[in-house]
Amino acid sequence: MTIKANVDFKDAIAGLDKLSEVRAKLARSMAVAGGKVLRDEAKMRAPVGTDEGGSKNPGGLQRSIYVAYRDKASTTAKQVYAVSWNAKKAPHGHLVEFGHWQSHARYKGKDGNWYTGAKLAAPKWVPAHPFLRPAMDASMAQAREVMLQRGRERLPELLAGGGDADEL
């Protein structure tokens, strides 16, 4: 006895094609959600200098922290985002995060501005006030949960073709 079956896989293949189309969009949406958690934690932890303490732009480092897509590091298999600070807005962020040697004296002029003065006889170590690395350590578990939740929300939207396809 022979049983013949004519099975049409067009719908199944179309469904798989749909999955491959939404994969990168889903990954990006999830990564943005997790990145926002890390960014917000880093902003909360970033030190805010004071004018009296020599800061030219109090809160500038905190305001410069962002989450951004890294196109060159991303591939079809992975989507890469970075959480960092804008070095143009906060050019000394790395000195705060990692610490540094202070080689020159700083003083406040009569005009109220801060200046770099004479070279110190012996360089002075200015300790780090890390904010980005501790933010990652403290919020990674929450970021994972937020990413999974975003995936649960976004996947049905993308599969149904509803919502803005470019919405993250």
N, C-alpha and C. Protein backbone atom coordinates (compact mmCIF):
# COMPACT_ATOMS: atom_id res chain seq x y z
N MET A 1 0.85 -1.16 0.00
CA MET A 1 0.00 0.00 0.00
C MET A 1 0.89 1.23 0.00
N THR A 2 0.59 2.19 -0.82
CA THR A 2 1.33 3.43 -0.93
C THR A 2 0.39 4.58 -0.66
N ILE A 3 0.85 5.49 0.16
CA ILE A 3 0.04 6.68 0.44
C ILE A 3 0.76 7.86 -0.19
N LYS A 4 0.06 8.55 -0.99
CA LYS A 4 0.62 9.75 -1.61
C LYS A 4 0.02 10.97 -0.95
N ALA A 5 0.88 11.93 -0.67
CA ALA A 5 0.40 13.18 -0.08
C ALA A 5 1.01 14.34 -0.85
N ASN A 6 0.19 15.27 -1.12
CA ASN A 6 0.65 16.48 -1.79
C ASN A 6 0.61 17.59 -0.74
N VAL A 7 1.80 17.95 -0.22
CA VAL A 7 1.88 18.95 0.85
C VAL A 7 2.45 20.23 0.27
N ASP A 8 1.78 21.32 0.54
CA ASP A 8 2.21 22.63 0.05
C ASP A 8 2.92 23.35 1.19
N PHE A 9 4.20 23.60 1.02
CA PHE A 9 5.01 24.26 2.05
C PHE A 9 5.16 25.76 1.81
N LYS A 10 4.42 26.31 0.85
CA LYS A 10 4.56 27.73 0.52
C LYS A 10 4.33 28.62 1.74
N ASP A 11 3.29 28.32 2.51
CA ASP A 11 2.99 29.15 3.69
C ASP A 11 4.10 29.04 4.74
N ALA A 12 4.61 27.82 4.93
CA ALA A 12 5.68 27.63 5.92
C ALA A 12 6.94 28.36 5.49
N ILE A 13 7.28 28.27 4.23
CA ILE A 13 8.48 28.95 3.71
C ILE A 13 8.29 30.46 3.79
N ALA A 14 7.10 30.94 3.47
CA ALA A 14 6.82 32.38 3.58
C ALA A 14 6.97 32.85 5.02
N GLY A 15 6.53 32.00 5.96
CA GLY A 15 6.67 32.34 7.38
C GLY A 15 8.13 32.41 7.80
N LEU A 16 8.94 31.48 7.31
CA LEU A 16 10.38 31.51 7.62
C LEU A 16 11.05 32.73 6.99
N ASP A 17 10.65 33.08 5.77
CA ASP A 17 11.18 34.28 5.13
C ASP A 17 10.84 35.52 5.95
N LYS A 18 9.62 35.53 6.46
CA LYS A 18 9.18 36.67 7.29
C LYS A 18 10.05 36.77 8.55
N LEU A 19 10.39 35.62 9.15
CA LEU A 19 11.24 35.62 10.34
C LEU A 19 12.61 36.21 10.04
N SER A 20 13.18 35.85 8.91
CA SER A 20 14.51 36.38 8.59
C SER A 20 14.45 37.89 8.34
N GLU A 21 13.33 38.37 7.83
CA GLU A 21 13.18 39.81 7.58
C GLU A 21 13.11 40.61 8.89
N VAL A 22 12.45 40.03 9.88
CA VAL A 22 12.24 40.79 11.12
C VAL A 22 13.35 40.56 12.15
N ARG A 23 14.23 39.60 11.91
CA ARG A 23 15.26 39.26 12.89
C ARG A 23 16.11 40.46 13.30
N ALA A 24 16.65 41.17 12.32
CA ALA A 24 17.51 42.32 12.63
C ALA A 24 16.71 43.44 13.29
N LYS A 25 15.49 43.65 12.84
CA LYS A 25 14.65 44.70 13.45
C LYS A 25 14.33 44.37 14.90
N LEU A 26 14.05 43.10 15.14
CA LEU A 26 13.76 42.66 16.50
C LEU A 26 15.00 42.82 17.39
N ALA A 27 16.15 42.39 16.88
CA ALA A 27 17.40 42.50 17.65
C ALA A 27 17.71 43.96 17.96
N ARG A 28 17.53 44.83 16.99
CA ARG A 28 17.81 46.26 17.23
C ARG A 28 16.87 46.83 18.27
N SER A 29 15.61 46.49 18.18
CA SER A 29 14.64 47.00 19.14
C SER A 29 14.98 46.55 20.55
N MET A 30 15.35 45.28 20.68
CA MET A 30 15.71 44.74 21.99
C MET A 30 17.00 45.39 22.51
N ALA A 31 17.97 45.59 21.63
CA ALA A 31 19.24 46.18 22.05
C ALA A 31 19.05 47.63 22.51
N VAL A 32 18.20 48.38 21.83
CA VAL A 32 17.93 49.76 22.24
C VAL A 32 17.30 49.79 23.63
N ALA A 33 16.37 48.88 23.87
CA ALA A 33 15.71 48.84 25.18
C ALA A 33 16.72 48.57 26.29
N GLY A 34 17.61 47.61 26.07
CA GLY A 34 18.64 47.32 27.07
C GLY A 34 19.65 48.45 27.19
N GLY A 35 20.00 49.05 26.06
CA GLY A 35 20.95 50.17 26.07
C GLY A 35 20.44 51.36 26.86
N LYS A 36 19.15 51.61 26.78
CA LYS A 36 18.55 52.72 27.52
C LYS A 36 18.66 52.50 29.03
N VAL A 37 18.51 51.25 29.46
CA VAL A 37 18.66 50.94 30.88
C VAL A 37 20.10 51.24 31.33
N LEU A 38 21.07 50.78 30.54
CA LEU A 38 22.48 51.03 30.87
C LEU A 38 22.80 52.52 30.83
N ARG A 39 22.30 53.21 29.80
CA ARG A 39 22.54 54.65 29.68
C ARG A 39 21.99 55.41 30.89
N ASP A 40 20.77 55.10 31.28
CA ASP A 40 20.15 55.81 32.39
C ASP A 40 20.90 55.55 33.71
N GLU A 41 21.37 54.33 33.89
CA GLU A 41 22.15 54.01 35.10
C GLU A 41 23.48 54.76 35.08
N ALA A 42 24.13 54.84 33.92
CA ALA A 42 25.39 55.56 33.82
C ALA A 42 25.19 57.06 34.08
N LYS A 43 24.10 57.62 33.58
CA LYS A 43 23.80 59.03 33.84
C LYS A 43 23.60 59.29 35.32
N MET A 44 22.92 58.35 35.98
CA MET A 44 22.68 58.51 37.41
C MET A 44 24.00 58.46 38.20
N ARG A 45 24.94 57.65 37.74
CA ARG A 45 26.21 57.45 38.44
C ARG A 45 27.29 58.46 38.05
N ALA A 46 27.12 59.16 36.95
CA ALA A 46 28.14 60.10 36.49
C ALA A 46 28.29 61.25 37.48
N PRO A 47 29.53 61.55 37.87
CA PRO A 47 29.72 62.66 38.79
C PRO A 47 29.38 63.99 38.13
N VAL A 48 28.84 64.88 38.92
CA VAL A 48 28.52 66.22 38.44
C VAL A 48 29.46 67.18 39.14
N GLY A 49 30.36 67.75 38.37
CA GLY A 49 31.32 68.69 38.95
C GLY A 49 30.64 69.98 39.38
N THR A 50 31.39 70.78 40.06
CA THR A 50 30.89 72.09 40.48
C THR A 50 31.83 73.16 39.96
N ASP A 51 31.31 74.34 39.84
CA ASP A 51 32.15 75.45 39.41
C ASP A 51 33.28 75.68 40.42
N GLU A 52 32.96 75.54 41.71
CA GLU A 52 33.98 75.74 42.75
C GLU A 52 35.06 74.67 42.66
N GLY A 53 34.70 73.49 42.17
CA GLY A 53 35.66 72.40 42.06
C GLY A 53 36.44 72.40 40.77
N GLY A 54 36.22 73.37 39.93
CA GLY A 54 36.99 73.49 38.71
C GLY A 54 36.28 73.03 37.45
N SER A 55 35.02 72.69 37.56
CA SER A 55 34.29 72.23 36.38
C SER A 55 33.87 73.43 35.53
N LYS A 56 34.20 73.37 34.25
CA LYS A 56 33.78 74.43 33.33
C LYS A 56 32.33 74.25 32.90
N ASN A 57 31.84 73.02 33.02
CA ASN A 57 30.50 72.71 32.54
C ASN A 57 29.86 71.69 33.49
N PRO A 58 29.44 72.11 34.67
CA PRO A 58 28.86 71.15 35.62
C PRO A 58 27.70 70.37 35.02
N GLY A 59 27.76 69.05 35.13
CA GLY A 59 26.72 68.19 34.59
C GLY A 59 26.90 67.86 33.11
N GLY A 60 27.93 68.40 32.49
CA GLY A 60 28.16 68.17 31.06
C GLY A 60 28.41 66.70 30.74
N LEU A 61 29.17 66.03 31.58
CA LEU A 61 29.44 64.61 31.37
C LEU A 61 28.14 63.81 31.45
N GLN A 62 27.37 64.08 32.45
CA GLN A 62 26.10 63.38 32.65
C GLN A 62 25.18 63.58 31.44
N ARG A 63 25.09 64.79 30.95
CA ARG A 63 24.22 65.09 29.80
C ARG A 63 24.75 64.50 28.49
N SER A 64 26.03 64.18 28.44
CA SER A 64 26.62 63.70 27.18
C SER A 64 26.54 62.19 27.00
N ILE A 65 26.03 61.46 27.97
CA ILE A 65 25.97 60.00 27.87
C ILE A 65 24.83 59.60 26.93
N TYR A 66 25.12 58.67 26.04
CA TYR A 66 24.17 58.30 25.00
C TYR A 66 24.22 56.79 24.72
N VAL A 67 23.23 56.32 23.97
CA VAL A 67 23.23 54.97 23.40
C VAL A 67 23.10 55.16 21.89
N ALA A 68 23.97 54.47 21.12
CA ALA A 68 23.97 54.67 19.67
C ALA A 68 24.28 53.37 18.94
N TYR A 69 23.70 53.23 17.78
CA TYR A 69 23.92 52.08 16.91
C TYR A 69 25.31 52.15 16.29
N ARG A 70 26.01 51.04 16.25
CA ARG A 70 27.34 50.95 15.65
C ARG A 70 27.23 50.17 14.35
N ASP A 71 27.01 50.91 13.27
CA ASP A 71 26.78 50.31 11.96
C ASP A 71 27.97 49.47 11.51
N LYS A 72 29.17 49.97 11.67
CA LYS A 72 30.36 49.25 11.18
C LYS A 72 30.64 47.97 11.96
N ALA A 73 30.22 47.92 13.22
CA ALA A 73 30.45 46.73 14.03
C ALA A 73 29.30 45.74 13.92
N SER A 74 28.19 46.16 13.35
CA SER A 74 27.01 45.31 13.22
C SER A 74 27.07 44.49 11.94
N THR A 75 26.47 43.31 12.00
CA THR A 75 26.37 42.43 10.83
C THR A 75 24.95 41.89 10.78
N THR A 76 24.69 41.02 9.80
CA THR A 76 23.37 40.40 9.74
C THR A 76 23.16 39.47 10.93
N ALA A 77 24.25 38.97 11.51
CA ALA A 77 24.15 38.04 12.64
C ALA A 77 24.12 38.74 13.99
N LYS A 78 24.57 39.98 14.06
CA LYS A 78 24.57 40.70 15.34
C LYS A 78 24.35 42.19 15.12
N GLN A 79 23.68 42.79 16.08
CA GLN A 79 23.42 44.23 16.07
C GLN A 79 24.15 44.83 17.26
N VAL A 80 24.98 45.83 17.03
CA VAL A 80 25.84 46.37 18.09
C VAL A 80 25.43 47.81 18.40
N TYR A 81 25.27 48.06 19.69
CA TYR A 81 25.01 49.41 20.19
C TYR A 81 26.09 49.73 21.22
N ALA A 82 26.37 51.01 21.39
CA ALA A 82 27.34 51.44 22.38
C ALA A 82 26.68 52.41 23.35
N VAL A 83 27.08 52.31 24.60
CA VAL A 83 26.70 53.29 25.60
C VAL A 83 28.00 53.97 25.99
N SER A 84 28.08 55.25 25.78
CA SER A 84 29.31 55.99 26.06
C SER A 84 28.96 57.46 26.29
N TRP A 85 29.98 58.30 26.28
CA TRP A 85 29.76 59.74 26.40
C TRP A 85 30.30 60.41 25.15
N ASN A 86 29.73 61.54 24.82
CA ASN A 86 30.15 62.32 23.67
C ASN A 86 31.43 63.06 24.04
N ALA A 87 32.53 62.70 23.41
CA ALA A 87 33.83 63.27 23.75
C ALA A 87 33.95 64.75 23.36
N LYS A 88 33.12 65.20 22.44
CA LYS A 88 33.15 66.62 22.08
C LYS A 88 32.47 67.45 23.16
N LYS A 89 31.42 66.90 23.76
CA LYS A 89 30.70 67.62 24.81
C LYS A 89 31.37 67.44 26.18
N ALA A 90 32.03 66.32 26.38
CA ALA A 90 32.68 66.02 27.65
C ALA A 90 34.06 65.41 27.36
N PRO A 91 35.02 66.24 26.91
CA PRO A 91 36.31 65.71 26.46
C PRO A 91 37.16 65.07 27.55
N HIS A 92 36.81 65.26 28.80
CA HIS A 92 37.62 64.69 29.87
C HIS A 92 36.94 63.51 30.56
N GLY A 93 35.92 62.96 29.92
CA GLY A 93 35.18 61.84 30.50
C GLY A 93 36.08 60.65 30.82
N HIS A 94 37.04 60.38 29.95
CA HIS A 94 37.94 59.26 30.20
C HIS A 94 38.81 59.49 31.43
N LEU A 95 39.13 60.73 31.73
CA LEU A 95 39.93 61.04 32.92
C LEU A 95 39.13 60.76 34.19
N VAL A 96 37.84 61.04 34.12
CA VAL A 96 36.95 60.78 35.26
C VAL A 96 36.76 59.28 35.43
N GLU A 97 36.50 58.58 34.34
CA GLU A 97 36.23 57.14 34.40
C GLU A 97 37.45 56.34 34.86
N PHE A 98 38.63 56.71 34.41
CA PHE A 98 39.83 55.90 34.67
C PHE A 98 40.85 56.52 35.61
N GLY A 99 40.70 57.80 35.95
CA GLY A 99 41.70 58.49 36.76
C GLY A 99 42.82 59.00 35.87
N HIS A 100 43.68 59.86 36.44
CA HIS A 100 44.77 60.42 35.63
C HIS A 100 45.80 61.10 36.53
N TRP A 101 46.93 61.38 35.92
CA TRP A 101 47.98 62.14 36.60
C TRP A 101 47.79 63.61 36.27
N GLN A 102 47.74 64.45 37.29
CA GLN A 102 47.64 65.90 37.08
C GLN A 102 49.06 66.44 37.10
N SER A 103 49.47 67.04 35.99
CA SER A 103 50.85 67.51 35.88
C SER A 103 50.98 69.02 36.07
N HIS A 104 49.87 69.75 35.99
CA HIS A 104 49.92 71.21 36.11
C HIS A 104 48.90 71.67 37.14
N ALA A 105 49.22 72.78 37.77
CA ALA A 105 48.31 73.38 38.75
C ALA A 105 47.11 73.97 38.02
N ARG A 106 45.98 74.02 38.71
CA ARG A 106 44.78 74.67 38.18
C ARG A 106 44.40 75.79 39.13
N TYR A 107 43.95 76.88 38.57
CA TYR A 107 43.53 77.99 39.43
C TYR A 107 42.38 78.73 38.77
N LYS A 108 41.63 79.41 39.62
CA LYS A 108 40.50 80.20 39.15
C LYS A 108 40.96 81.64 39.04
N GLY A 109 40.81 82.19 37.85
CA GLY A 109 41.23 83.57 37.62
C GLY A 109 40.24 84.58 38.19
N LYS A 110 40.64 85.84 38.18
CA LYS A 110 39.78 86.90 38.69
C LYS A 110 38.48 87.01 37.89
N ASP A 111 38.56 86.55 36.64
CA ASP A 111 37.37 86.60 35.79
C ASP A 111 36.40 85.45 36.07
N GLY A 112 36.77 84.55 36.99
CA GLY A 112 35.91 83.43 37.35
C GLY A 112 36.14 82.16 36.54
N ASN A 113 37.01 82.24 35.54
CA ASN A 113 37.31 81.06 34.71
C ASN A 113 38.47 80.27 35.30
N TRP A 114 38.51 78.97 34.99
CA TRP A 114 39.58 78.10 35.45
C TRP A 114 40.70 78.04 34.41
N TYR A 115 41.93 78.02 34.90
CA TYR A 115 43.10 78.01 34.02
C TYR A 115 44.09 76.95 34.48
N THR A 116 44.92 76.53 33.52
CA THR A 116 46.02 75.62 33.82
C THR A 116 47.24 76.49 34.09
N GLY A 117 47.88 76.23 35.22
CA GLY A 117 49.02 77.05 35.61
C GLY A 117 50.35 76.33 35.42
N ALA A 118 51.24 76.60 36.33
CA ALA A 118 52.60 76.09 36.26
C ALA A 118 52.63 74.58 36.45
N LYS A 119 53.68 73.98 35.94
CA LYS A 119 53.88 72.55 36.08
C LYS A 119 54.12 72.23 37.55
N LEU A 120 53.49 71.17 38.05
CA LEU A 120 53.68 70.74 39.43
C LEU A 120 55.07 70.13 39.60
N ALA A 121 55.65 70.28 40.78
CA ALA A 121 56.97 69.70 41.05
C ALA A 121 56.89 68.18 40.94
N ALA A 122 55.82 67.60 41.43
CA ALA A 122 55.60 66.16 41.32
C ALA A 122 54.16 65.95 40.87
N PRO A 123 53.95 65.18 39.81
CA PRO A 123 52.58 64.94 39.37
C PRO A 123 51.73 64.33 40.48
N LYS A 124 50.47 64.68 40.47
CA LYS A 124 49.54 64.23 41.50
C LYS A 124 48.51 63.29 40.85
N TRP A 125 48.30 62.13 41.47
CA TRP A 125 47.31 61.19 40.95
C TRP A 125 45.91 61.64 41.35
N VAL A 126 45.05 61.79 40.36
CA VAL A 126 43.65 62.12 40.60
C VAL A 126 42.88 60.81 40.43
N PRO A 127 42.29 60.31 41.50
CA PRO A 127 41.64 58.99 41.41
C PRO A 127 40.43 58.98 40.48
N ALA A 128 40.16 57.80 39.98
CA ALA A 128 39.01 57.60 39.09
C ALA A 128 37.71 57.70 39.86
N HIS A 129 36.69 58.14 39.17
CA HIS A 129 35.32 58.11 39.66
C HIS A 129 34.51 57.38 38.60
N PRO A 130 34.70 56.05 38.51
CA PRO A 130 34.04 55.31 37.43
C PRO A 130 32.53 55.38 37.54
N PHE A 131 31.90 55.49 36.41
CA PHE A 131 30.44 55.56 36.34
C PHE A 131 29.90 54.60 35.29
N LEU A 132 30.61 54.42 34.19
CA LEU A 132 30.11 53.58 33.11
C LEU A 132 30.26 52.10 33.44
N ARG A 133 31.43 51.70 33.90
CA ARG A 133 31.64 50.27 34.23
C ARG A 133 30.76 49.83 35.39
N PRO A 134 30.66 50.59 36.48
CA PRO A 134 29.74 50.18 37.55
C PRO A 134 28.28 50.17 37.11
N ALA A 135 27.92 51.07 36.19
CA ALA A 135 26.54 51.09 35.69
C ALA A 135 26.23 49.79 34.97
N MET A 136 27.19 49.31 34.20
CA MET A 136 26.98 48.05 33.49
C MET A 136 26.85 46.89 34.48
N ASP A 137 27.74 46.85 35.45
CA ASP A 137 27.68 45.79 36.46
C ASP A 137 26.35 45.81 37.21
N ALA A 138 25.89 46.99 37.56
CA ALA A 138 24.69 47.12 38.39
C ALA A 138 23.39 46.87 37.63
N SER A 139 23.36 47.16 36.35
CA SER A 139 22.08 47.12 35.65
C SER A 139 21.99 46.07 34.54
N MET A 140 23.00 45.22 34.39
CA MET A 140 22.98 44.24 33.31
C MET A 140 21.80 43.28 33.42
N ALA A 141 21.50 42.81 34.62
CA ALA A 141 20.37 41.88 34.78
C ALA A 141 19.06 42.57 34.42
N GLN A 142 18.89 43.80 34.84
CA GLN A 142 17.67 44.54 34.50
C GLN A 142 17.60 44.80 32.99
N ALA A 143 18.75 45.10 32.39
CA ALA A 143 18.78 45.34 30.95
C ALA A 143 18.35 44.08 30.19
N ARG A 144 18.82 42.93 30.63
CA ARG A 144 18.41 41.66 29.99
C ARG A 144 16.90 41.46 30.07
N GLU A 145 16.35 41.72 31.25
CA GLU A 145 14.90 41.56 31.43
C GLU A 145 14.12 42.52 30.53
N VAL A 146 14.57 43.76 30.46
CA VAL A 146 13.90 44.76 29.61
C VAL A 146 14.02 44.35 28.15
N MET A 147 15.17 43.81 27.75
CA MET A 147 15.35 43.37 26.37
C MET A 147 14.40 42.22 26.03
N LEU A 148 14.29 41.27 26.93
CA LEU A 148 13.37 40.14 26.69
C LEU A 148 11.93 40.62 26.61
N GLN A 149 11.55 41.51 27.50
CA GLN A 149 10.19 42.05 27.49
C GLN A 149 9.92 42.78 26.18
N ARG A 150 10.89 43.56 25.73
CA ARG A 150 10.72 44.29 24.47
C ARG A 150 10.58 43.31 23.31
N GLY A 151 11.35 42.23 23.34
CA GLY A 151 11.24 41.21 22.31
C GLY A 151 9.87 40.57 22.29
N ARG A 152 9.33 40.29 23.47
CA ARG A 152 7.98 39.69 23.57
C ARG A 152 6.91 40.63 23.00
N GLU A 153 7.10 41.93 23.19
CA GLU A 153 6.15 42.91 22.66
C GLU A 153 6.32 43.10 21.16
N ARG A 154 7.55 43.20 20.74
CA ARG A 154 7.85 43.62 19.36
C ARG A 154 7.69 42.50 18.33
N LEU A 155 8.03 41.26 18.68
CA LEU A 155 7.97 40.17 17.71
C LEU A 155 6.57 40.00 17.11
N PRO A 156 5.52 39.92 17.92
CA PRO A 156 4.18 39.79 17.31
C PRO A 156 3.82 40.98 16.41
N GLU A 157 4.26 42.18 16.80
CA GLU A 157 3.99 43.36 15.97
C GLU A 157 4.65 43.22 14.61
N LEU A 158 5.92 42.80 14.61
CA LEU A 158 6.66 42.67 13.36
C LEU A 158 6.11 41.54 12.49
N LEU A 159 5.77 40.43 13.11
CA LEU A 159 5.23 39.29 12.34
C LEU A 159 3.88 39.62 11.72
N ALA A 160 3.09 40.42 12.44
CA ALA A 160 1.77 40.80 11.92
C ALA A 160 1.87 41.92 10.90
N GLY A 161 3.06 42.49 10.78
CA GLY A 161 3.22 43.59 9.84
C GLY A 161 2.64 44.88 10.36
N GLY A 162 2.24 44.88 11.63
CA GLY A 162 1.66 46.08 12.23
C GLY A 162 2.74 47.00 12.76
N GLY A 163 2.37 48.20 13.07
CA GLY A 163 3.30 49.18 13.60
C GLY A 163 4.30 49.62 12.55
N ASP A 164 5.11 50.55 12.88
CA ASP A 164 6.14 51.06 11.98
C ASP A 164 7.28 50.07 11.95
N ALA A 165 7.62 49.58 10.78
CA ALA A 165 8.68 48.57 10.65
C ALA A 165 10.03 49.09 11.13
N ASP A 166 10.25 50.40 11.05
CA ASP A 166 11.53 50.97 11.48
C ASP A 166 11.53 51.39 12.94
N GLU A 167 10.40 51.28 13.60
CA GLU A 167 10.31 51.67 15.00
C GLU A 167 11.18 50.75 15.85
N LEU A 168 11.94 51.34 16.73
CA LEU A 168 12.79 50.55 17.61
C LEU A 168 12.12 50.42 18.95
